[in-house]
C-alpha atoms as a PDB file:
ATOM      1  CA  UNK A   1     -23.658  -8.206   2.353  1.00  0.00           C
ATOM      2  CA  UNK A   2     -23.684  -4.501   2.729  1.00  0.00           C
ATOM      3  CA  UNK A   3     -23.995  -2.463  -0.398  1.00  0.00           C
ATOM      4  CA  UNK A   4     -21.012  -0.411  -1.368  1.00  0.00           C
ATOM      5  CA  UNK A   5     -19.761   1.563  -4.291  1.00  0.00           C
ATOM      6  CA  UNK A   6     -16.281   1.553  -5.709  1.00  0.00           C
ATOM      7  CA  UNK A   7     -15.572   4.130  -8.380  1.00  0.00           C
ATOM      8  CA  UNK A   8     -12.141   3.680  -9.826  1.00  0.00           C
ATOM      9  CA  UNK A   9     -10.252   6.315 -11.785  1.00  0.00           C
ATOM     10  CA  UNK A  10      -7.543   4.229 -13.423  1.00  0.00           C
ATOM     11  CA  UNK A  11      -4.646   5.899 -15.198  1.00  0.00           C
ATOM     12  CA  UNK A  12      -4.126   3.019 -17.607  1.00  0.00           C
ATOM     13  CA  UNK A  13      -7.800   2.614 -18.453  1.00  0.00           C
ATOM     14  CA  UNK A  14     -10.495   4.994 -19.597  1.00  0.00           C
ATOM     15  CA  UNK A  15     -13.899   5.268 -18.052  1.00  0.00           C
ATOM     16  CA  UNK A  16     -15.105   4.206 -14.662  1.00  0.00           C
ATOM     17  CA  UNK A  17     -15.270   0.768 -13.143  1.00  0.00           C
ATOM     18  CA  UNK A  18     -18.164   0.600 -10.731  1.00  0.00           C
ATOM     19  CA  UNK A  19     -19.233  -2.240  -8.481  1.00  0.00           C
ATOM     20  CA  UNK A  20     -22.384  -2.596  -6.461  1.00  0.00           C
ATOM     21  CA  UNK A  21     -23.573  -5.569  -4.470  1.00  0.00           C
ATOM     22  CA  UNK A  22     -26.965  -6.124  -2.881  1.00  0.00           C
ATOM     23  CA  UNK A  23     -28.751  -9.062  -1.354  1.00  0.00           C
ATOM     24  CA  UNK A  24     -32.234 -10.317  -2.017  1.00  0.00           C
ATOM     25  CA  UNK A  25     -35.148  -9.439   0.229  1.00  0.00           C
ATOM     26  CA  UNK A  26     -34.491 -10.554   3.764  1.00  0.00           C
ATOM     27  CA  UNK A  27     -30.711 -10.010   3.442  1.00  0.00           C
ATOM     28  CA  UNK A  28     -28.486  -7.573   5.306  1.00  0.00           C
ATOM     29  CA  UNK A  29     -29.693  -3.997   5.129  1.00  0.00           C
ATOM     30  CA  UNK A  30     -27.743  -1.406   3.188  1.00  0.00           C
ATOM     31  CA  UNK A  31     -25.493   1.171   4.795  1.00  0.00           C
ATOM     32  CA  UNK A  32     -27.950   3.897   3.939  1.00  0.00           C
ATOM     33  CA  UNK A  33     -30.769   2.017   5.675  1.00  0.00           C
ATOM     34  CA  UNK A  34     -28.621   1.215   8.702  1.00  0.00           C
ATOM     35  CA  UNK A  35     -27.416   4.779   9.020  1.00  0.00           C
ATOM     36  CA  UNK A  36     -30.930   6.125   8.575  1.00  0.00           C
ATOM     37  CA  UNK A  37     -32.194   3.847  11.308  1.00  0.00           C
ATOM     38  CA  UNK A  38     -29.479   5.200  13.538  1.00  0.00           C
ATOM     39  CA  UNK A  39     -30.420   8.777  12.561  1.00  0.00           C
ATOM     40  CA  UNK A  40     -26.993   9.369  11.046  1.00  0.00           C
ATOM     41  CA  UNK A  41     -25.652  10.198   7.620  1.00  0.00           C
ATOM     42  CA  UNK A  42     -23.290   8.014   5.615  1.00  0.00           C
ATOM     43  CA  UNK A  43     -20.129   9.988   4.875  1.00  0.00           C
ATOM     44  CA  UNK A  44     -18.339   9.297   1.606  1.00  0.00           C
ATOM     45  CA  UNK A  45     -14.592   8.738   1.966  1.00  0.00           C
ATOM     46  CA  UNK A  46     -12.186   8.848  -0.990  1.00  0.00           C
ATOM     47  CA  UNK A  47      -9.461   6.236  -0.633  1.00  0.00           C
ATOM     48  CA  UNK A  48      -6.267   6.758  -2.628  1.00  0.00           C
ATOM     49  CA  UNK A  49      -4.472   3.694  -3.945  1.00  0.00           C
ATOM     50  CA  UNK A  50      -2.568   2.532  -7.023  1.00  0.00           C
ATOM     51  CA  UNK A  51      -2.788  -0.024  -9.816  1.00  0.00           C
ATOM     52  CA  UNK A  52       0.842  -1.099 -10.261  1.00  0.00           C
ATOM     53  CA  UNK A  53       1.663  -3.156  -7.150  1.00  0.00           C
ATOM     54  CA  UNK A  54       1.098  -6.863  -7.884  1.00  0.00           C
ATOM     55  CA  UNK A  55      -1.123  -8.611  -5.327  1.00  0.00           C
ATOM     56  CA  UNK A  56      -1.473  -5.396  -3.290  1.00  0.00           C
ATOM     57  CA  UNK A  57      -3.338  -2.936  -5.515  1.00  0.00           C
ATOM     58  CA  UNK A  58      -3.654  -3.809  -9.188  1.00  0.00           C
ATOM     59  CA  UNK A  59      -6.113  -4.349 -12.042  1.00  0.00           C
ATOM     60  CA  UNK A  60      -6.824  -8.040 -12.607  1.00  0.00           C
ATOM     61  CA  UNK A  61      -7.523  -9.803 -15.924  1.00  0.00           C
ATOM     62  CA  UNK A  62     -11.198  -8.873 -15.624  1.00  0.00           C
ATOM     63  CA  UNK A  63     -10.460  -5.168 -15.261  1.00  0.00           C
ATOM     64  CA  UNK A  64     -11.231  -5.157 -11.527  1.00  0.00           C
ATOM     65  CA  UNK A  65      -9.247  -3.234  -8.926  1.00  0.00           C
ATOM     66  CA  UNK A  66      -8.175  -5.754  -6.304  1.00  0.00           C
ATOM     67  CA  UNK A  67      -5.290  -6.937  -4.114  1.00  0.00           C
ATOM     68  CA  UNK A  68      -4.477  -7.156  -0.408  1.00  0.00           C
ATOM     69  CA  UNK A  69      -4.844  -3.465   0.437  1.00  0.00           C
ATOM     70  CA  UNK A  70      -7.925  -3.065  -1.734  1.00  0.00           C
ATOM     71  CA  UNK A  71      -9.770  -6.054  -0.293  1.00  0.00           C
ATOM     72  CA  UNK A  72      -8.783  -5.027   3.239  1.00  0.00           C
ATOM     73  CA  UNK A  73     -10.296  -1.580   2.688  1.00  0.00           C
ATOM     74  CA  UNK A  74     -13.462  -3.245   1.401  1.00  0.00           C
ATOM     75  CA  UNK A  75     -13.649  -5.398   4.541  1.00  0.00           C
ATOM     76  CA  UNK A  76     -13.208  -2.317   6.709  1.00  0.00           C
ATOM     77  CA  UNK A  77     -15.884  -0.514   4.706  1.00  0.00           C
ATOM     78  CA  UNK A  78     -18.301  -3.379   5.346  1.00  0.00           C
ATOM     79  CA  UNK A  79     -17.854  -2.918   9.089  1.00  0.00           C
ATOM     80  CA  UNK A  80     -18.173   0.869   9.249  1.00  0.00           C
ATOM     81  CA  UNK A  81     -21.802   1.699   8.484  1.00  0.00           C
ATOM     82  CA  UNK A  82     -21.226   5.409   9.042  1.00  0.00           C
ATOM     83  CA  UNK A  83     -18.790   5.605   6.100  1.00  0.00           C
ATOM     84  CA  UNK A  84     -18.935   4.748   2.402  1.00  0.00           C
ATOM     85  CA  UNK A  85     -15.512   4.203   0.812  1.00  0.00           C
ATOM     86  CA  UNK A  86     -14.785   5.049  -2.813  1.00  0.00           C
ATOM     87  CA  UNK A  87     -11.456   4.247  -4.469  1.00  0.00           C
ATOM     88  CA  UNK A  88      -9.463   6.709  -6.534  1.00  0.00           C
ATOM     89  CA  UNK A  89      -6.353   5.299  -8.206  1.00  0.00           C
ATOM     90  CA  UNK A  90      -3.236   7.302  -8.959  1.00  0.00           C
ATOM     91  CA  UNK A  91       0.468   6.840  -9.484  1.00  0.00           C
ATOM     92  CA  UNK A  92       2.094   6.118  -6.147  1.00  0.00           C
ATOM     93  CA  UNK A  93       4.222   9.285  -6.238  1.00  0.00           C
ATOM     94  CA  UNK A  94       1.059  11.452  -6.365  1.00  0.00           C
ATOM     95  CA  UNK A  95      -0.823   9.919  -3.438  1.00  0.00           C
ATOM     96  CA  UNK A  96       0.591  11.939  -0.551  1.00  0.00           C
ATOM     97  CA  UNK A  97       0.221  15.214  -2.458  1.00  0.00           C
ATOM     98  CA  UNK A  98      -3.405  14.321  -3.198  1.00  0.00           C
ATOM     99  CA  UNK A  99      -3.902  13.690   0.503  1.00  0.00           C
ATOM    100  CA  UNK A 100      -2.417  17.075   1.399  1.00  0.00           C
ATOM    101  CA  UNK A 101      -4.620  18.862  -1.148  1.00  0.00           C
ATOM    102  CA  UNK A 102      -7.745  17.010   0.077  1.00  0.00           C
ATOM    103  CA  UNK A 103      -8.384  15.206  -3.180  1.00  0.00           C
ATOM    104  CA  UNK A 104      -8.422  11.965  -1.199  1.00  0.00           C
ATOM    105  CA  UNK A 105      -9.143  11.241   2.472  1.00  0.00           C
ATOM    106  CA  UNK A 106      -6.589   8.540   3.201  1.00  0.00           C
ATOM    107  CA  UNK A 107      -3.930   6.463   1.461  1.00  0.00           C
ATOM    108  CA  UNK A 108      -4.006   2.662   1.223  1.00  0.00           C
ATOM    109  CA  UNK A 109      -0.818   1.515  -0.497  1.00  0.00           C
ATOM    110  CA  UNK A 110       1.346  -0.467   1.966  1.00  0.00           C
ATOM    111  CA  UNK A 111       2.578   2.786   3.499  1.00  0.00           C
ATOM    112  CA  UNK A 112       5.456   2.307   5.905  1.00  0.00           C
ATOM    113  CA  UNK A 113       5.561   4.478   8.999  1.00  0.00           C
ATOM    114  CA  UNK A 114       8.873   6.298   9.306  1.00  0.00           C
ATOM    115  CA  UNK A 115      10.078   9.500  11.032  1.00  0.00           C
ATOM    116  CA  UNK A 116       9.989  11.584   7.852  1.00  0.00           C
ATOM    117  CA  UNK A 117       6.373  10.742   7.116  1.00  0.00           C
ATOM    118  CA  UNK A 118       5.297  11.017  10.753  1.00  0.00           C
ATOM    119  CA  UNK A 119       6.378  14.655  10.758  1.00  0.00           C
ATOM    120  CA  UNK A 120       3.907  15.484   7.989  1.00  0.00           C
ATOM    121  CA  UNK A 121       1.065  12.970   8.220  1.00  0.00           C
ATOM    122  CA  UNK A 122      -1.239  11.179  10.618  1.00  0.00           C
ATOM    123  CA  UNK A 123      -1.116   7.387  10.765  1.00  0.00           C
ATOM    124  CA  UNK A 124      -3.739   5.172  12.305  1.00  0.00           C
ATOM    125  CA  UNK A 125      -2.493   3.232  15.343  1.00  0.00           C
ATOM    126  CA  UNK A 126      -3.346  -0.394  14.503  1.00  0.00           C
ATOM    127  CA  UNK A 127      -0.910  -1.856  11.914  1.00  0.00           C
ATOM    128  CA  UNK A 128      -2.298  -4.164   9.264  1.00  0.00           C
ATOM    129  CA  UNK A 129       1.109  -5.468   8.118  1.00  0.00           C
ATOM    130  CA  UNK A 130       4.776  -5.339   9.046  1.00  0.00           C
ATOM    131  CA  UNK A 131       7.677  -4.830   6.637  1.00  0.00           C
ATOM    132  CA  UNK A 132      11.363  -5.664   6.709  1.00  0.00           C
ATOM    133  CA  UNK A 133      13.236  -3.872   3.937  1.00  0.00           C
ATOM    134  CA  UNK A 134      16.174  -5.545   2.211  1.00  0.00           C
ATOM    135  CA  UNK A 135      18.465  -5.097  -0.786  1.00  0.00           C
ATOM    136  CA  UNK A 136      17.345  -7.001  -3.891  1.00  0.00           C
ATOM    137  CA  UNK A 137      19.844  -8.012  -6.595  1.00  0.00           C
ATOM    138  CA  UNK A 138      20.168 -10.461  -9.483  1.00  0.00           C
ATOM    139  CA  UNK A 139      20.316 -14.136  -8.486  1.00  0.00           C
ATOM    140  CA  UNK A 140      23.959 -14.493  -9.552  1.00  0.00           C
ATOM    141  CA  UNK A 141      25.171 -11.293  -7.834  1.00  0.00           C
ATOM    142  CA  UNK A 142      27.268 -12.159  -4.775  1.00  0.00           C
ATOM    143  CA  UNK A 143      29.142  -8.851  -4.505  1.00  0.00           C
ATOM    144  CA  UNK A 144      26.413  -6.723  -2.885  1.00  0.00           C
ATOM    145  CA  UNK A 145      25.460  -7.355   0.738  1.00  0.00           C
ATOM    146  CA  UNK A 146      25.105  -3.850   2.248  1.00  0.00           C
ATOM    147  CA  UNK A 147      24.405  -0.226   1.383  1.00  0.00           C
ATOM    148  CA  UNK A 148      28.152   0.403   1.390  1.00  0.00           C
ATOM    149  CA  UNK A 149      28.453  -2.122  -1.432  1.00  0.00           C
ATOM    150  CA  UNK A 150      26.082   0.034  -3.479  1.00  0.00           C
ATOM    151  CA  UNK A 151      28.477   2.990  -3.616  1.00  0.00           C
ATOM    152  CA  UNK A 152      28.986   3.999  -7.233  1.00  0.00           C
ATOM    153  CA  UNK A 153      26.126   1.766  -8.361  1.00  0.00           C
ATOM    154  CA  UNK A 154      22.642   2.415  -9.714  1.00  0.00           C
ATOM    155  CA  UNK A 155      19.733   1.544  -7.441  1.00  0.00           C
ATOM    156  CA  UNK A 156      16.134   1.565  -8.644  1.00  0.00           C
ATOM    157  CA  UNK A 157      13.391   2.875  -6.362  1.00  0.00           C
ATOM    158  CA  UNK A 158      10.016   4.611  -6.447  1.00  0.00           C
ATOM    159  CA  UNK A 159       9.846   8.339  -5.770  1.00  0.00           C
ATOM    160  CA  UNK A 160       8.419   9.184  -2.309  1.00  0.00           C
ATOM    161  CA  UNK A 161       8.705   5.531  -1.207  1.00  0.00           C
ATOM    162  CA  UNK A 162      10.081   4.422   2.148  1.00  0.00           C
ATOM    163  CA  UNK A 163      12.879   2.644   0.296  1.00  0.00           C
ATOM    164  CA  UNK A 164      13.787   5.877  -1.479  1.00  0.00           C
ATOM    165  CA  UNK A 165      14.027   7.524   1.936  1.00  0.00           C
ATOM    166  CA  UNK A 166      16.555   4.890   3.060  1.00  0.00           C
ATOM    167  CA  UNK A 167      18.725   5.601   0.013  1.00  0.00           C
ATOM    168  CA  UNK A 168      18.378   9.370   0.322  1.00  0.00           C
ATOM    169  CA  UNK A 169      19.323   9.272   4.003  1.00  0.00           C
ATOM    170  CA  UNK A 170      22.392   7.192   3.159  1.00  0.00           C
ATOM    171  CA  UNK A 171      23.422   9.619   0.438  1.00  0.00           C
ATOM    172  CA  UNK A 172      23.140  12.596   2.789  1.00  0.00           C
ATOM    173  CA  UNK A 173      25.780  11.017   4.991  1.00  0.00           C
ATOM    174  CA  UNK A 174      27.933   9.616   2.174  1.00  0.00           C
ATOM    175  CA  UNK A 175      28.296  12.402  -0.394  1.00  0.00           C
ATOM    176  CA  UNK A 176      25.639  11.024  -2.752  1.00  0.00           C
ATOM    177  CA  UNK A 177      27.615   7.824  -3.196  1.00  0.00           C
ATOM    178  CA  UNK A 178      24.671   5.837  -4.586  1.00  0.00           C
ATOM    179  CA  UNK A 179      23.135   6.749  -7.945  1.00  0.00           C
ATOM    180  CA  UNK A 180      19.412   6.631  -7.251  1.00  0.00           C
ATOM    181  CA  UNK A 181      17.222   5.845 -10.262  1.00  0.00           C
ATOM    182  CA  UNK A 182      13.617   6.867  -9.671  1.00  0.00           C
ATOM    183  CA  UNK A 183      11.069   4.648 -11.338  1.00  0.00           C
ATOM    184  CA  UNK A 184       7.679   5.931 -12.427  1.00  0.00           C
ATOM    185  CA  UNK A 185       4.671   4.427 -10.686  1.00  0.00           C
ATOM    186  CA  UNK A 186       3.429   2.998 -14.002  1.00  0.00           C
ATOM    187  CA  UNK A 187       6.623   1.031 -14.729  1.00  0.00           C
ATOM    188  CA  UNK A 188       6.804  -2.645 -13.769  1.00  0.00           C
ATOM    189  CA  UNK A 189      10.166  -3.590 -15.276  1.00  0.00           C
ATOM    190  CA  UNK A 190      12.211  -3.970 -12.083  1.00  0.00           C
ATOM    191  CA  UNK A 191      13.299  -7.537 -12.897  1.00  0.00           C
ATOM    192  CA  UNK A 192      14.421  -6.723 -16.442  1.00  0.00           C
ATOM    193  CA  UNK A 193      16.274  -3.591 -15.341  1.00  0.00           C
ATOM    194  CA  UNK A 194      18.283  -5.550 -12.772  1.00  0.00           C
ATOM    195  CA  UNK A 195      18.914  -8.700 -14.819  1.00  0.00           C
ATOM    196  CA  UNK A 196      19.948  -6.662 -17.868  1.00  0.00           C
ATOM    197  CA  UNK A 197      22.387  -4.584 -15.814  1.00  0.00           C
ATOM    198  CA  UNK A 198      20.690  -1.253 -16.421  1.00  0.00           C
ATOM    199  CA  UNK A 199      20.597  -0.940 -12.628  1.00  0.00           C
ATOM    200  CA  UNK A 200      22.443  -2.948  -9.990  1.00  0.00           C
ATOM    201  CA  UNK A 201      19.806  -3.345  -7.298  1.00  0.00           C
ATOM    202  CA  UNK A 202      16.584  -2.185  -5.732  1.00  0.00           C
ATOM    203  CA  UNK A 203      15.226  -2.151  -2.193  1.00  0.00           C
ATOM    204  CA  UNK A 204      12.033  -3.877  -1.213  1.00  0.00           C
ATOM    205  CA  UNK A 205       9.934  -5.356   1.560  1.00  0.00           C
ATOM    206  CA  UNK A 206      10.484  -8.978   2.516  1.00  0.00           C
ATOM    207  CA  UNK A 207       7.144 -10.091   1.058  1.00  0.00           C
ATOM    208  CA  UNK A 208       7.434  -8.143  -2.192  1.00  0.00           C
ATOM    209  CA  UNK A 209      10.145 -10.154  -3.961  1.00  0.00           C
ATOM    210  CA  UNK A 210       7.882 -13.063  -4.922  1.00  0.00           C
ATOM    211  CA  UNK A 211       5.269 -10.577  -6.132  1.00  0.00           C
ATOM    212  CA  UNK A 212       7.538  -8.623  -8.477  1.00  0.00           C
ATOM    213  CA  UNK A 213       9.681 -11.632  -9.448  1.00  0.00           C
ATOM    214  CA  UNK A 214       7.520 -14.773  -9.715  1.00  0.00           C
ATOM    215  CA  UNK A 215      10.160 -16.491 -11.907  1.00  0.00           C
ATOM    216  CA  UNK A 216      12.834 -16.200  -9.219  1.00  0.00           C
ATOM    217  CA  UNK A 217      15.444 -14.219 -11.161  1.00  0.00           C
ATOM    218  CA  UNK A 218      16.282 -11.998  -8.173  1.00  0.00           C
ATOM    219  CA  UNK A 219      17.190 -12.523  -4.522  1.00  0.00           C
ATOM    220  CA  UNK A 220      17.396 -10.560  -1.276  1.00  0.00           C
ATOM    221  CA  UNK A 221      20.799 -10.024   0.255  1.00  0.00           C
ATOM    222  CA  UNK A 222      22.369  -8.758   3.476  1.00  0.00           C
ATOM    223  CA  UNK A 223      20.779  -7.754   6.755  1.00  0.00           C
ATOM    224  CA  UNK A 224      17.430  -6.000   7.187  1.00  0.00           C
ATOM    225  CA  UNK A 225      17.819  -2.307   6.349  1.00  0.00           C
ATOM    226  CA  UNK A 226      14.766  -1.334   8.348  1.00  0.00           C
ATOM    227  CA  UNK A 227      11.502  -2.696   9.636  1.00  0.00           C
ATOM    228  CA  UNK A 228       8.302  -0.857  10.236  1.00  0.00           C
ATOM    229  CA  UNK A 229       4.567  -1.105  10.682  1.00  0.00           C
ATOM    230  CA  UNK A 230       2.314  -0.655   7.676  1.00  0.00           C
ATOM    231  CA  UNK A 231      -0.639   1.640   8.247  1.00  0.00           C
ATOM    232  CA  UNK A 232      -3.015   3.970   6.461  1.00  0.00           C
ATOM    233  CA  UNK A 233      -2.069   7.631   6.061  1.00  0.00           C
ATOM    234  CA  UNK A 234      -4.308  10.616   6.872  1.00  0.00           C
ATOM    235  CA  UNK A 235      -4.003  14.395   7.085  1.00  0.00           C
ATOM    236  CA  UNK A 236      -2.613  15.758  10.321  1.00  0.00           C
ATOM    237  CA  UNK A 237      -4.419  18.222  12.582  1.00  0.00           C
ATOM    238  CA  UNK A 238      -7.839  17.388  11.150  1.00  0.00           C
ATOM    239  CA  UNK A 239     -10.506  16.214  13.645  1.00  0.00           C
ATOM    240  CA  UNK A 240     -12.524  14.418  10.943  1.00  0.00           C
ATOM    241  CA  UNK A 241      -9.421  12.551   9.811  1.00  0.00           C
ATOM    242  CA  UNK A 242      -8.637  11.556  13.395  1.00  0.00           C
ATOM    243  CA  UNK A 243     -12.187  10.286  13.863  1.00  0.00           C
ATOM    244  CA  UNK A 244     -11.912   8.256  10.655  1.00  0.00           C
ATOM    245  CA  UNK A 245      -8.534   6.824  11.683  1.00  0.00           C
ATOM    246  CA  UNK A 246      -9.936   5.796  15.077  1.00  0.00           C
ATOM    247  CA  UNK A 247     -12.911   4.076  13.433  1.00  0.00           C
ATOM    248  CA  UNK A 248     -10.605   2.202  11.071  1.00  0.00           C
ATOM    249  CA  UNK A 249      -8.463   1.096  14.024  1.00  0.00           C
ATOM    250  CA  UNK A 250     -11.547  -0.442  15.596  1.00  0.00           C
ATOM    251  CA  UNK A 251     -12.356  -2.330  12.407  1.00  0.00           C
ATOM    252  CA  UNK A 252      -8.779  -3.603  12.036  1.00  0.00           C
ATOM    253  CA  UNK A 253      -8.845  -4.929  15.595  1.00  0.00           C
ATOM    254  CA  UNK A 254     -12.008  -6.866  14.720  1.00  0.00           C
ATOM    255  CA  UNK A 255     -10.399  -8.215  11.541  1.00  0.00           C
ATOM    256  CA  UNK A 256      -7.380  -9.385  13.512  1.00  0.00           C
ATOM    257  CA  UNK A 257      -9.489 -10.976  16.228  1.00  0.00           C
ATOM    258  CA  UNK A 258     -11.687 -12.994  13.866  1.00  0.00           C
ATOM    259  CA  UNK A 259      -8.784 -14.077  11.637  1.00  0.00           C
ATOM    260  CA  UNK A 260      -9.893 -12.175   8.530  1.00  0.00           C
ATOM    261  CA  UNK A 261      -6.738 -10.046   8.317  1.00  0.00           C
ATOM    262  CA  UNK A 262      -4.360 -13.012   8.475  1.00  0.00           C
ATOM    263  CA  UNK A 263      -6.470 -14.859   5.914  1.00  0.00           C
ATOM    264  CA  UNK A 264      -6.302 -11.913   3.498  1.00  0.00           C
ATOM    265  CA  UNK A 265      -2.524 -11.715   3.880  1.00  0.00           C
ATOM    266  CA  UNK A 266      -2.075 -15.437   3.148  1.00  0.00           C
ATOM    267  CA  UNK A 267      -4.450 -15.229   0.192  1.00  0.00           C
ATOM    268  CA  UNK A 268      -2.752 -12.284  -1.485  1.00  0.00           C
ATOM    269  CA  UNK A 269       0.828 -12.224  -0.150  1.00  0.00           C
ATOM    270  CA  UNK A 270       1.450 -15.920   0.369  1.00  0.00           C
ATOM    271  CA  UNK A 271       2.138 -15.673   4.118  1.00  0.00           C
ATOM    272  CA  UNK A 272       0.793 -13.894   7.171  1.00  0.00           C
ATOM    273  CA  UNK A 273       2.675 -10.593   7.213  1.00  0.00           C
ATOM    274  CA  UNK A 274       0.212  -8.926   9.570  1.00  0.00           C
ATOM    275  CA  UNK A 275       2.388  -8.872  12.703  1.00  0.00           C
ATOM    276  CA  UNK A 276       6.001  -8.205  13.641  1.00  0.00           C
ATOM    277  CA  UNK A 277       6.599 -11.707  14.998  1.00  0.00           C
END
């Protein structure tokens, strides 16, 4: 197993969590050795992710950063000997700004590709998941089935999220009819806010409901609001970023072909959400 380093700056913890794996003599050579043999340098890449998305990017009971996106990035790292990936965790709402200001090199946080983001950022071409966004309400709520039904109601969402964009676009065309409540990236009280009536609904991807609501107090309702590929996000107009994105695309294709990507999705998300079928 190739040696890699993961340095995690966690907002809710102090200090640094570092992991390093090596094999005994006769095992697979390290990235540094492989790159040296190929007369190339290993380039360190800072990967921005979060800690508050259950099963996607979170801190487990042992204090380890893990989840679907995290373990996928680690698999990609194992296959790209010319790069060494290092995680940096932040609140979700700060990730794209950190990308723009070059504090991180790409974002791994179930980022949905949409027109607004495409104008500002570069996405890799090979999706690693596919989302269908829906309205989420309390189990006993049968009055909300569409965005029109949310007029005059409070809807919880994360700032800068794709779901927030859906609500904001609706409000632009409907005189701010929906009261959007922006949730901080550190808050994980979506279920209690909806079941207590503090807010009426939220929007979320089809796979996310079981992750945020394992006790089944909420439900999805109505038709799909949108569907989109999930990709990594990079800076636009940057040759190094384009090269990195292309390399990652190659690794994702390998992970799809050998079944690793689908296996990761089933392990962490419960089903294979890696295609649009």
